[in-house]
C-alpha atoms as a PDB file:
ATOM      1  CA  MET A   1      13.525  88.216 297.492  1.00  0.00           C
ATOM      2  CA  ILE A   2      17.213  87.267 297.181  1.00  0.00           C
ATOM      3  CA  LYS A   3      18.645  86.677 300.666  1.00  0.00           C
ATOM      4  CA  ASN A   4      21.737  85.097 302.178  1.00  0.00           C
ATOM      5  CA  LYS A   5      23.411  84.519 298.820  1.00  0.00           C
ATOM      6  CA  LEU A   6      26.854  85.223 297.438  1.00  0.00           C
ATOM      7  CA  ILE A   7      26.452  87.874 294.747  1.00  0.00           C
ATOM      8  CA  VAL A   8      29.078  89.100 292.306  1.00  0.00           C
ATOM      9  CA  VAL A   9      28.482  92.392 290.504  1.00  0.00           C
ATOM     10  CA  THR A  10      30.970  93.143 287.744  1.00  0.00           C
ATOM     11  CA  GLY A  11      31.194  96.845 287.038  1.00  0.00           C
ATOM     12  CA  GLY A  12      29.742  97.334 290.503  1.00  0.00           C
ATOM     13  CA  ALA A  13      31.511 100.661 291.035  1.00  0.00           C
ATOM     14  CA  GLY A  14      29.799 102.058 287.967  1.00  0.00           C
ATOM     15  CA  PHE A  15      26.394 103.581 287.413  1.00  0.00           C
ATOM     16  CA  ILE A  16      23.909 100.707 287.154  1.00  0.00           C
ATOM     17  CA  GLY A  17      26.134  98.118 288.797  1.00  0.00           C
ATOM     18  CA  SER A  18      26.486 100.174 291.972  1.00  0.00           C
ATOM     19  CA  HIS A  19      22.724 100.497 292.317  1.00  0.00           C
ATOM     20  CA  ILE A  20      22.377  96.720 292.012  1.00  0.00           C
ATOM     21  CA  ALA A  21      25.148  96.236 294.582  1.00  0.00           C
ATOM     22  CA  TRP A  22      23.541  98.640 297.071  1.00  0.00           C
ATOM     23  CA  GLU A  23      20.179  96.912 296.818  1.00  0.00           C
ATOM     24  CA  LEU A  24      21.554  93.399 297.224  1.00  0.00           C
ATOM     25  CA  SER A  25      24.092  94.210 299.942  1.00  0.00           C
ATOM     26  CA  LYS A  26      21.247  94.710 302.422  1.00  0.00           C
ATOM     27  CA  ASP A  27      20.581  90.957 302.696  1.00  0.00           C
ATOM     28  CA  ASN A  28      23.466  89.222 300.926  1.00  0.00           C
ATOM     29  CA  GLU A  29      27.227  88.887 300.716  1.00  0.00           C
ATOM     30  CA  VAL A  30      28.167  91.070 297.754  1.00  0.00           C
ATOM     31  CA  VAL A  31      31.479  91.147 295.896  1.00  0.00           C
ATOM     32  CA  VAL A  32      32.026  94.095 293.564  1.00  0.00           C
ATOM     33  CA  ILE A  33      34.539  93.660 290.741  1.00  0.00           C
ATOM     34  CA  ASP A  34      35.580  96.815 288.905  1.00  0.00           C
ATOM     35  CA  ASN A  35      38.779  98.087 287.295  1.00  0.00           C
ATOM     36  CA  LEU A  36      37.707 101.705 287.996  1.00  0.00           C
ATOM     37  CA  TYR A  37      38.219 102.709 284.358  1.00  0.00           C
ATOM     38  CA  THR A  38      34.920 104.574 284.507  1.00  0.00           C
ATOM     39  CA  GLY A  39      33.657 103.402 287.908  1.00  0.00           C
ATOM     40  CA  ASN A  40      34.165 105.204 291.216  1.00  0.00           C
ATOM     41  CA  ARG A  41      35.285 103.453 294.395  1.00  0.00           C
ATOM     42  CA  GLU A  42      32.954 105.684 296.433  1.00  0.00           C
ATOM     43  CA  ASN A  43      29.958 104.131 294.672  1.00  0.00           C
ATOM     44  CA  VAL A  44      30.603 100.733 296.261  1.00  0.00           C
ATOM     45  CA  PRO A  45      28.445  99.980 299.341  1.00  0.00           C
ATOM     46  CA  PRO A  46      30.485  99.710 302.559  1.00  0.00           C
ATOM     47  CA  ALA A  47      29.038  96.265 303.266  1.00  0.00           C
ATOM     48  CA  ALA A  48      30.369  94.880 299.975  1.00  0.00           C
ATOM     49  CA  ARG A  49      33.804  93.419 299.333  1.00  0.00           C
ATOM     50  CA  PHE A  50      35.591  95.372 296.618  1.00  0.00           C
ATOM     51  CA  VAL A  51      38.037  93.728 294.221  1.00  0.00           C
ATOM     52  CA  LYS A  52      39.873  95.991 291.794  1.00  0.00           C
ATOM     53  CA  ALA A  53      40.201  93.823 288.713  1.00  0.00           C
ATOM     54  CA  ASP A  54      39.384  93.608 285.043  1.00  0.00           C
ATOM     55  CA  VAL A  55      36.814  91.006 283.948  1.00  0.00           C
ATOM     56  CA  ARG A  56      39.494  89.542 281.696  1.00  0.00           C
ATOM     57  CA  ASP A  57      41.768  88.800 284.671  1.00  0.00           C
ATOM     58  CA  GLU A  58      42.186  85.107 285.445  1.00  0.00           C
ATOM     59  CA  ARG A  59      41.687  85.652 289.185  1.00  0.00           C
ATOM     60  CA  VAL A  60      38.147  86.879 288.569  1.00  0.00           C
ATOM     61  CA  GLY A  61      37.161  83.320 287.698  1.00  0.00           C
ATOM     62  CA  GLU A  62      37.803  82.190 291.275  1.00  0.00           C
ATOM     63  CA  LEU A  63      35.184  84.629 292.565  1.00  0.00           C
ATOM     64  CA  ILE A  64      32.714  83.864 289.778  1.00  0.00           C
ATOM     65  CA  ARG A  65      32.775  80.113 290.411  1.00  0.00           C
ATOM     66  CA  GLU A  66      31.577  80.520 293.983  1.00  0.00           C
ATOM     67  CA  ALA A  67      28.716  82.944 293.279  1.00  0.00           C
ATOM     68  CA  ASP A  68      25.007  82.158 293.466  1.00  0.00           C
ATOM     69  CA  TYR A  69      24.255  85.065 291.126  1.00  0.00           C
ATOM     70  CA  VAL A  70      26.477  87.125 288.844  1.00  0.00           C
ATOM     71  CA  PHE A  71      25.210  90.464 287.578  1.00  0.00           C
ATOM     72  CA  HIS A  72      27.499  91.293 284.669  1.00  0.00           C
ATOM     73  CA  GLU A  73      27.477  95.063 284.195  1.00  0.00           C
ATOM     74  CA  ALA A  74      31.145  95.610 283.322  1.00  0.00           C
ATOM     75  CA  ALA A  75      31.615  96.805 279.738  1.00  0.00           C
ATOM     76  CA  VAL A  76      32.843  99.490 277.424  1.00  0.00           C
ATOM     77  CA  VAL A  77      29.499 101.270 277.155  1.00  0.00           C
ATOM     78  CA  SER A  78      30.269 104.248 274.915  1.00  0.00           C
ATOM     79  CA  VAL A  79      29.173 104.053 271.283  1.00  0.00           C
ATOM     80  CA  VAL A  80      31.674 106.793 270.432  1.00  0.00           C
ATOM     81  CA  GLU A  81      34.524 104.961 272.141  1.00  0.00           C
ATOM     82  CA  SER A  82      33.564 101.724 270.375  1.00  0.00           C
ATOM     83  CA  PHE A  83      34.124 103.416 267.003  1.00  0.00           C
ATOM     84  CA  ARG A  84      37.476 104.779 268.171  1.00  0.00           C
ATOM     85  CA  ASP A  85      38.632 101.420 269.564  1.00  0.00           C
ATOM     86  CA  PRO A  86      36.509  98.556 268.204  1.00  0.00           C
ATOM     87  CA  VAL A  87      39.133  95.909 269.001  1.00  0.00           C
ATOM     88  CA  GLY A  88      39.395  96.972 272.634  1.00  0.00           C
ATOM     89  CA  THR A  89      35.616  97.145 272.929  1.00  0.00           C
ATOM     90  CA  GLU A  90      35.324  93.613 271.520  1.00  0.00           C
ATOM     91  CA  ASP A  91      37.935  92.327 273.934  1.00  0.00           C
ATOM     92  CA  VAL A  92      36.196  93.676 277.017  1.00  0.00           C
ATOM     93  CA  ASN A  93      32.565  93.150 276.032  1.00  0.00           C
ATOM     94  CA  VAL A  94      32.810  89.781 274.309  1.00  0.00           C
ATOM     95  CA  SER A  95      35.985  88.069 275.556  1.00  0.00           C
ATOM     96  CA  GLY A  96      35.312  89.318 279.080  1.00  0.00           C
ATOM     97  CA  THR A  97      31.806  87.878 279.012  1.00  0.00           C
ATOM     98  CA  LEU A  98      33.047  84.584 277.604  1.00  0.00           C
ATOM     99  CA  ARG A  99      35.575  84.264 280.431  1.00  0.00           C
ATOM    100  CA  ILE A 100      32.767  84.728 282.948  1.00  0.00           C
ATOM    101  CA  LEU A 101      30.638  82.078 281.244  1.00  0.00           C
ATOM    102  CA  ARG A 102      33.506  79.587 281.268  1.00  0.00           C
ATOM    103  CA  ALA A 103      34.144  80.195 284.962  1.00  0.00           C
ATOM    104  CA  MET A 104      30.472  79.744 285.793  1.00  0.00           C
ATOM    105  CA  LEU A 105      30.446  76.251 284.288  1.00  0.00           C
ATOM    106  CA  GLU A 106      32.543  75.205 287.281  1.00  0.00           C
ATOM    107  CA  GLY A 107      29.938  76.501 289.745  1.00  0.00           C
ATOM    108  CA  SER A 108      26.173  76.519 290.145  1.00  0.00           C
ATOM    109  CA  GLY A 109      25.308  80.199 289.770  1.00  0.00           C
ATOM    110  CA  LYS A 110      23.092  82.198 287.428  1.00  0.00           C
ATOM    111  CA  LEU A 111      24.250  84.979 285.119  1.00  0.00           C
ATOM    112  CA  VAL A 112      22.213  88.134 284.487  1.00  0.00           C
ATOM    113  CA  PHE A 113      23.811  90.055 281.626  1.00  0.00           C
ATOM    114  CA  ALA A 114      23.501  93.764 280.815  1.00  0.00           C
ATOM    115  CA  SER A 115      22.800  93.962 277.096  1.00  0.00           C
ATOM    116  CA  SER A 116      21.506  97.012 275.247  1.00  0.00           C
ATOM    117  CA  ALA A 117      18.800  98.327 272.939  1.00  0.00           C
ATOM    118  CA  ALA A 118      21.718  99.216 270.650  1.00  0.00           C
ATOM    119  CA  VAL A 119      21.396  95.674 269.271  1.00  0.00           C
ATOM    120  CA  TYR A 120      18.266  96.745 267.356  1.00  0.00           C
ATOM    121  CA  GLY A 121      19.890  99.544 265.385  1.00  0.00           C
ATOM    122  CA  ASP A 122      17.579 102.009 263.669  1.00  0.00           C
ATOM    123  CA  ASN A 123      14.536  99.746 263.440  1.00  0.00           C
ATOM    124  CA  PRO A 124      11.194 101.376 262.465  1.00  0.00           C
ATOM    125  CA  ASN A 125       9.075  98.507 263.845  1.00  0.00           C
ATOM    126  CA  LEU A 126       8.160 100.271 267.077  1.00  0.00           C
ATOM    127  CA  PRO A 127       7.645  99.334 269.825  1.00  0.00           C
ATOM    128  CA  LEU A 128      10.590  96.970 269.545  1.00  0.00           C
ATOM    129  CA  LYS A 129      10.007  93.353 270.496  1.00  0.00           C
ATOM    130  CA  GLU A 130      12.731  90.927 271.479  1.00  0.00           C
ATOM    131  CA  THR A 131      11.930  88.891 268.355  1.00  0.00           C
ATOM    132  CA  GLU A 132      13.185  91.645 266.023  1.00  0.00           C
ATOM    133  CA  ARG A 133      16.344  90.718 264.142  1.00  0.00           C
ATOM    134  CA  PRO A 134      19.361  92.572 265.561  1.00  0.00           C
ATOM    135  CA  ARG A 135      20.907  95.142 263.205  1.00  0.00           C
ATOM    136  CA  PRO A 136      23.381  97.121 265.332  1.00  0.00           C
ATOM    137  CA  LEU A 137      24.874 100.313 263.921  1.00  0.00           C
ATOM    138  CA  SER A 138      27.977 100.467 266.113  1.00  0.00           C
ATOM    139  CA  PRO A 139      30.786  98.186 267.262  1.00  0.00           C
ATOM    140  CA  TYR A 140      29.313  98.519 270.759  1.00  0.00           C
ATOM    141  CA  GLY A 141      25.972  97.121 269.547  1.00  0.00           C
ATOM    142  CA  VAL A 142      27.745  94.302 267.714  1.00  0.00           C
ATOM    143  CA  THR A 143      29.538  93.246 270.910  1.00  0.00           C
ATOM    144  CA  LYS A 144      26.276  93.069 272.819  1.00  0.00           C
ATOM    145  CA  VAL A 145      24.707  90.843 270.151  1.00  0.00           C
ATOM    146  CA  ALA A 146      27.746  88.564 270.207  1.00  0.00           C
ATOM    147  CA  ALA A 147      27.668  88.302 274.006  1.00  0.00           C
ATOM    148  CA  GLU A 148      23.939  87.498 273.942  1.00  0.00           C
ATOM    149  CA  HIS A 149      24.642  84.627 271.541  1.00  0.00           C
ATOM    150  CA  TYR A 150      27.300  83.260 273.860  1.00  0.00           C
ATOM    151  CA  LEU A 151      24.817  83.319 276.741  1.00  0.00           C
ATOM    152  CA  ARG A 152      22.271  81.470 274.602  1.00  0.00           C
ATOM    153  CA  VAL A 153      24.812  78.829 273.596  1.00  0.00           C
ATOM    154  CA  TYR A 154      25.935  78.236 277.176  1.00  0.00           C
ATOM    155  CA  ASN A 155      22.322  77.944 278.287  1.00  0.00           C
ATOM    156  CA  GLU A 156      21.264  75.569 275.513  1.00  0.00           C
ATOM    157  CA  ILE A 157      24.389  73.420 275.386  1.00  0.00           C
ATOM    158  CA  TYR A 158      25.483  73.365 279.034  1.00  0.00           C
ATOM    159  CA  GLY A 159      22.249  74.225 280.848  1.00  0.00           C
ATOM    160  CA  LEU A 160      23.802  77.300 282.480  1.00  0.00           C
ATOM    161  CA  PRO A 161      21.056  79.636 283.776  1.00  0.00           C
ATOM    162  CA  THR A 162      21.491  82.912 281.875  1.00  0.00           C
ATOM    163  CA  VAL A 163      19.354  85.986 281.162  1.00  0.00           C
ATOM    164  CA  SER A 164      20.065  88.924 278.843  1.00  0.00           C
ATOM    165  CA  LEU A 165      18.498  92.298 279.639  1.00  0.00           C
ATOM    166  CA  ARG A 166      18.404  94.826 276.820  1.00  0.00           C
ATOM    167  CA  TYR A 167      18.563  98.187 278.581  1.00  0.00           C
ATOM    168  CA  PHE A 168      17.048 101.147 276.819  1.00  0.00           C
ATOM    169  CA  ASN A 169      18.091 104.646 277.975  1.00  0.00           C
ATOM    170  CA  VAL A 170      18.837 104.296 281.674  1.00  0.00           C
ATOM    171  CA  PHE A 171      19.274 107.393 283.833  1.00  0.00           C
ATOM    172  CA  GLY A 172      19.620 108.324 287.478  1.00  0.00           C
ATOM    173  CA  PRO A 173      22.083 109.283 290.226  1.00  0.00           C
ATOM    174  CA  ARG A 174      25.758 108.324 289.812  1.00  0.00           C
ATOM    175  CA  GLN A 175      25.634 108.352 286.019  1.00  0.00           C
ATOM    176  CA  GLY A 176      28.692 110.001 284.495  1.00  0.00           C
ATOM    177  CA  PHE A 177      28.400 113.257 282.581  1.00  0.00           C
ATOM    178  CA  ASN A 178      31.399 113.283 280.279  1.00  0.00           C
ATOM    179  CA  GLN A 179      31.010 113.389 276.495  1.00  0.00           C
ATOM    180  CA  TYR A 180      30.271 109.640 276.382  1.00  0.00           C
ATOM    181  CA  ALA A 181      27.595 109.571 279.078  1.00  0.00           C
ATOM    182  CA  GLY A 182      23.824 109.521 278.782  1.00  0.00           C
ATOM    183  CA  VAL A 183      22.067 112.608 277.470  1.00  0.00           C
ATOM    184  CA  ILE A 184      20.102 113.161 280.694  1.00  0.00           C
ATOM    185  CA  SER A 185      23.137 113.371 282.973  1.00  0.00           C
ATOM    186  CA  ILE A 186      24.879 115.699 280.518  1.00  0.00           C
ATOM    187  CA  PHE A 187      21.834 117.965 280.158  1.00  0.00           C
ATOM    188  CA  ILE A 188      21.255 118.140 283.919  1.00  0.00           C
ATOM    189  CA  ASN A 189      24.840 119.033 284.759  1.00  0.00           C
ATOM    190  CA  ARG A 190      25.032 121.654 282.034  1.00  0.00           C
ATOM    191  CA  ALA A 191      21.653 123.092 282.972  1.00  0.00           C
ATOM    192  CA  LEU A 192      22.674 123.422 286.629  1.00  0.00           C
ATOM    193  CA  LYS A 193      25.710 125.433 285.488  1.00  0.00           C
ATOM    194  CA  GLY A 194      23.762 127.520 282.972  1.00  0.00           C
ATOM    195  CA  GLU A 195      25.751 126.059 280.072  1.00  0.00           C
ATOM    196  CA  PRO A 196      24.237 125.364 276.618  1.00  0.00           C
ATOM    197  CA  LEU A 197      22.412 122.076 276.087  1.00  0.00           C
ATOM    198  CA  VAL A 198      23.827 120.571 272.893  1.00  0.00           C
ATOM    199  CA  ILE A 199      21.496 118.418 270.796  1.00  0.00           C
ATOM    200  CA  TYR A 200      23.060 116.319 268.062  1.00  0.00           C
ATOM    201  CA  GLY A 201      20.563 116.389 265.193  1.00  0.00           C
ATOM    202  CA  ASP A 202      17.212 118.147 265.088  1.00  0.00           C
ATOM    203  CA  GLY A 203      16.018 117.087 268.545  1.00  0.00           C
ATOM    204  CA  LEU A 204      13.037 115.164 267.201  1.00  0.00           C
ATOM    205  CA  GLN A 205      14.735 111.816 267.747  1.00  0.00           C
ATOM    206  CA  THR A 206      13.001 109.869 270.514  1.00  0.00           C
ATOM    207  CA  ARG A 207      14.169 107.622 273.318  1.00  0.00           C
ATOM    208  CA  ASP A 208      12.643 105.324 275.939  1.00  0.00           C
ATOM    209  CA  PHE A 209      14.099 106.600 279.224  1.00  0.00           C
ATOM    210  CA  VAL A 210      13.974 104.292 282.246  1.00  0.00           C
ATOM    211  CA  TYR A 211      14.991 105.232 285.790  1.00  0.00           C
ATOM    212  CA  VAL A 212      17.787 103.188 287.333  1.00  0.00           C
ATOM    213  CA  LYS A 213      15.678 101.961 290.278  1.00  0.00           C
ATOM    214  CA  ASP A 214      13.342 100.261 287.800  1.00  0.00           C
ATOM    215  CA  VAL A 215      16.346  98.685 286.072  1.00  0.00           C
ATOM    216  CA  VAL A 216      17.481  97.239 289.411  1.00  0.00           C
ATOM    217  CA  LYS A 217      13.987  95.843 289.901  1.00  0.00           C
ATOM    218  CA  ALA A 218      14.141  94.187 286.460  1.00  0.00           C
ATOM    219  CA  ASN A 219      17.503  92.604 287.304  1.00  0.00           C
ATOM    220  CA  LEU A 220      16.220  91.086 290.526  1.00  0.00           C
ATOM    221  CA  LEU A 221      13.080  89.735 288.863  1.00  0.00           C
ATOM    222  CA  ALA A 222      15.138  88.156 286.085  1.00  0.00           C
ATOM    223  CA  ALA A 223      17.539  86.634 288.596  1.00  0.00           C
ATOM    224  CA  GLU A 224      14.825  85.068 290.744  1.00  0.00           C
ATOM    225  CA  SER A 225      12.588  83.776 287.950  1.00  0.00           C
ATOM    226  CA  ARG A 226      13.318  80.353 286.506  1.00  0.00           C
ATOM    227  CA  ARG A 227      11.019  81.259 283.627  1.00  0.00           C
ATOM    228  CA  ALA A 228      13.564  83.898 282.632  1.00  0.00           C
ATOM    229  CA  ASN A 229      16.348  81.369 282.085  1.00  0.00           C
ATOM    230  CA  GLY A 230      17.715  81.325 278.562  1.00  0.00           C
ATOM    231  CA  ARG A 231      15.673  84.337 277.536  1.00  0.00           C
ATOM    232  CA  THR A 232      16.181  87.966 276.533  1.00  0.00           C
ATOM    233  CA  PHE A 233      14.099  90.875 277.833  1.00  0.00           C
ATOM    234  CA  ASN A 234      13.721  94.542 276.999  1.00  0.00           C
ATOM    235  CA  VAL A 235      14.107  96.877 279.972  1.00  0.00           C
ATOM    236  CA  GLY A 236      12.428 100.259 279.514  1.00  0.00           C
ATOM    237  CA  ARG A 237       9.273 102.133 280.414  1.00  0.00           C
ATOM    238  CA  GLY A 238       7.468 101.425 277.165  1.00  0.00           C
ATOM    239  CA  GLU A 239       7.147 105.181 276.554  1.00  0.00           C
ATOM    240  CA  SER A 240       9.193 107.529 274.408  1.00  0.00           C
ATOM    241  CA  VAL A 241      10.008 111.227 274.492  1.00  0.00           C
ATOM    242  CA  SER A 242      11.830 113.496 272.061  1.00  0.00           C
ATOM    243  CA  VAL A 243      15.233 114.869 272.981  1.00  0.00           C
ATOM    244  CA  ILE A 244      14.031 118.447 272.509  1.00  0.00           C
ATOM    245  CA  LYS A 245      11.135 117.836 274.899  1.00  0.00           C
ATOM    246  CA  LEU A 246      13.552 116.290 277.369  1.00  0.00           C
ATOM    247  CA  ALA A 247      15.842 119.319 277.175  1.00  0.00           C
ATOM    248  CA  ASN A 248      12.971 121.704 277.831  1.00  0.00           C
ATOM    249  CA  MET A 249      11.726 119.580 280.745  1.00  0.00           C
ATOM    250  CA  ILE A 250      15.167 119.645 282.343  1.00  0.00           C
ATOM    251  CA  LYS A 251      15.374 123.415 281.873  1.00  0.00           C
ATOM    252  CA  GLU A 252      12.004 123.755 283.587  1.00  0.00           C
ATOM    253  CA  LEU A 253      12.857 121.474 286.525  1.00  0.00           C
ATOM    254  CA  THR A 254      16.248 123.104 287.128  1.00  0.00           C
ATOM    255  CA  GLY A 255      15.029 126.667 286.516  1.00  0.00           C
ATOM    256  CA  SER A 256      17.943 127.013 284.105  1.00  0.00           C
ATOM    257  CA  MET A 257      18.427 129.732 281.495  1.00  0.00           C
ATOM    258  CA  SER A 258      20.630 127.464 279.401  1.00  0.00           C
ATOM    259  CA  ARG A 259      20.356 127.860 275.640  1.00  0.00           C
ATOM    260  CA  ILE A 260      19.522 124.862 273.476  1.00  0.00           C
ATOM    261  CA  VAL A 261      21.927 124.567 270.560  1.00  0.00           C
ATOM    262  CA  PHE A 262      22.067 122.063 267.725  1.00  0.00           C
ATOM    263  CA  ASP A 263      25.023 120.211 266.223  1.00  0.00           C
ATOM    264  CA  LYS A 264      25.409 117.603 263.491  1.00  0.00           C
ATOM    265  CA  PRO A 265      24.208 114.046 264.259  1.00  0.00           C
ATOM    266  CA  ARG A 266      26.769 111.600 265.634  1.00  0.00           C
ATOM    267  CA  PRO A 267      27.626 108.356 263.802  1.00  0.00           C
ATOM    268  CA  GLY A 268      25.799 105.345 265.176  1.00  0.00           C
ATOM    269  CA  ASP A 269      22.967 107.351 266.736  1.00  0.00           C
ATOM    270  CA  ILE A 270      19.513 105.969 265.985  1.00  0.00           C
ATOM    271  CA  ARG A 271      16.428 108.006 265.132  1.00  0.00           C
ATOM    272  CA  HIS A 272      13.720 106.459 267.308  1.00  0.00           C
ATOM    273  CA  SER A 273      13.680 103.930 270.119  1.00  0.00           C
ATOM    274  CA  LEU A 274      10.776 102.456 272.081  1.00  0.00           C
ATOM    275  CA  ALA A 275      10.633  99.210 274.050  1.00  0.00           C
ATOM    276  CA  ASP A 276       7.890  96.640 274.088  1.00  0.00           C
ATOM    277  CA  ILE A 277       8.133  95.440 277.701  1.00  0.00           C
ATOM    278  CA  GLY A 278       5.366  92.861 277.543  1.00  0.00           C
ATOM    279  CA  GLU A 279       7.767  89.948 278.096  1.00  0.00           C
ATOM    280  CA  LEU A 280       9.262  91.580 281.188  1.00  0.00           C
ATOM    281  CA  LYS A 281       5.804  92.363 282.529  1.00  0.00           C
ATOM    282  CA  GLY A 282       5.150  88.648 282.272  1.00  0.00           C
ATOM    283  CA  LEU A 283       7.712  88.229 285.058  1.00  0.00           C
ATOM    284  CA  GLY A 284       5.786  90.716 287.204  1.00  0.00           C
ATOM    285  CA  PHE A 285       7.591  93.920 286.168  1.00  0.00           C
ATOM    286  CA  GLU A 286       5.836  97.280 286.281  1.00  0.00           C
ATOM    287  CA  PRO A 287       7.884 100.491 286.063  1.00  0.00           C
ATOM    288  CA  GLU A 288       7.290 102.633 289.145  1.00  0.00           C
ATOM    289  CA  TRP A 289       9.148 105.790 288.146  1.00  0.00           C
ATOM    290  CA  ASN A 290       7.810 108.108 285.462  1.00  0.00           C
ATOM    291  CA  LEU A 291      10.201 110.410 283.617  1.00  0.00           C
ATOM    292  CA  ARG A 292       9.405 113.565 285.563  1.00  0.00           C
ATOM    293  CA  ARG A 293       9.741 111.930 288.981  1.00  0.00           C
ATOM    294  CA  GLY A 294      12.995 110.273 287.965  1.00  0.00           C
ATOM    295  CA  LEU A 295      14.358 113.566 286.645  1.00  0.00           C
ATOM    296  CA  GLU A 296      13.493 115.324 289.896  1.00  0.00           C
ATOM    297  CA  LYS A 297      15.426 112.770 291.939  1.00  0.00           C
ATOM    298  CA  THR A 298      18.352 112.824 289.533  1.00  0.00           C
ATOM    299  CA  ILE A 299      18.527 116.626 289.481  1.00  0.00           C
ATOM    300  CA  GLU A 300      18.421 116.667 293.270  1.00  0.00           C
ATOM    301  CA  TRP A 301      21.399 114.304 293.421  1.00  0.00           C
ATOM    302  CA  TYR A 302      23.530 116.203 290.892  1.00  0.00           C
ATOM    303  CA  ALA A 303      22.713 119.559 292.481  1.00  0.00           C
ATOM    304  CA  GLU A 304      23.963 118.241 295.820  1.00  0.00           C
ATOM    305  CA  GLU A 305      27.075 116.848 294.135  1.00  0.00           C
ATOM    306  CA  GLN A 306      27.864 120.232 292.612  1.00  0.00           C
ATOM    307  CA  GLN A 307      27.344 121.932 295.975  1.00  0.00           C
ATOM    308  CA  ASN A 308      29.812 119.464 297.485  1.00  0.00           C
ATOM    309  CA  GLY A 309      32.437 120.508 294.964  1.00  0.00           C
ATOM    310  CA  GLY A 310      32.285 117.319 292.922  1.00  0.00           C
ATOM    311  CA  LYS A 311      32.348 114.974 295.898  1.00  0.00           C
ATOM    312  CA  LYS A 312      29.686 112.308 296.078  1.00  0.00           C
ATOM    313  CA  PRO A 313      26.542 113.296 298.016  1.00  0.00           C
ATOM    314  CA  LYS A 314      26.013 111.735 301.414  1.00  0.00           C
ATOM    315  CA  SER A 315      23.016 109.852 300.038  1.00  0.00           C
ATOM    316  CA  VAL A 316      25.442 107.547 298.219  1.00  0.00           C
ATOM    317  CA  SER A 317      27.026 106.275 301.413  1.00  0.00           C
ATOM    318  CA  LYS A 318      23.935 104.714 302.900  1.00  0.00           C
ATOM    319  CA  PRO A 319      21.041 102.818 301.329  1.00  0.00           C
ATOM    320  CA  LYS A 320      17.649 104.414 300.976  1.00  0.00           C
ATOM    321  CA  SER A 321      14.239 102.855 300.804  1.00  0.00           C
ATOM    322  CA  GLU A 322      12.485 104.695 297.987  1.00  0.00           C
ATOM    323  CA  SER A 323       9.454 103.378 296.185  1.00  0.00           C
ATOM    324  CA  GLY A 324       9.303 106.175 293.630  1.00  0.00           C
ATOM    325  CA  ARG A 325       5.631 106.779 294.322  1.00  0.00           C
ATOM    326  CA  GLY A 326       4.064 110.076 295.190  1.00  0.00           C
END
């Protein structure tokens, strides 16, 4: 259990970063750094100190140097946007990470980095192990591979404690639902409005969906474990589901009459994805949230948000203690 530490969460006003910040702010001093490009100020826990800044800003280094743990979630996360602006994506995701690493050499903290399953590309060797050679199919995936290498170098050469976590398809409350967001948040919000659910491709592509609370759990385990230092871990459930099955499940859980329509595949999308989470289990990780239970909680949150006219539900403004069981 991390207690009485100084924690920095970059991208802490965003989806995953805000969940990490909420969990850690119960027993620690938390500083959230976010430029609010995609993040929302309302996602930041009241107990945390908020600093509006870009990870490439020089002043961020002053905060990083003092931290006991840095959870680096800030990034350009859209595959589509990375094709539109590969140079900008590289600058944020790689140069921004390198600036954090350089600042941390002047302190004594540990860096937990949000990488992505996008590093694997369209690899048929399922379930995917961390030992598979990266073959990303998008500029976004390339930036995550490059950042992972920088973490490895700084760990091996300078002894800086670092961990890379390759997130598979994370979902849950607070996730955006614009055209660049995760498929679950888009489907749920369209289903609640009775709008068509658009599937790019034939719908038989599969993904390993992991609920955000389990991702937070993985981050804390990686941060606390010395055995995790210098290593890379997959973060998923170790189960896969087709997109068409997902769409039908969301229709069922929302009671929606939305039509399912198909469009051409998007560039950079992979066919199948499934995590081998054996290495993470070696740190004591066991996913607690199955897909259906996670969808129910996520639908509940978005339904309340829509009822509030787009304002954040009250459940965001105070921490909850939810185990995900039952």
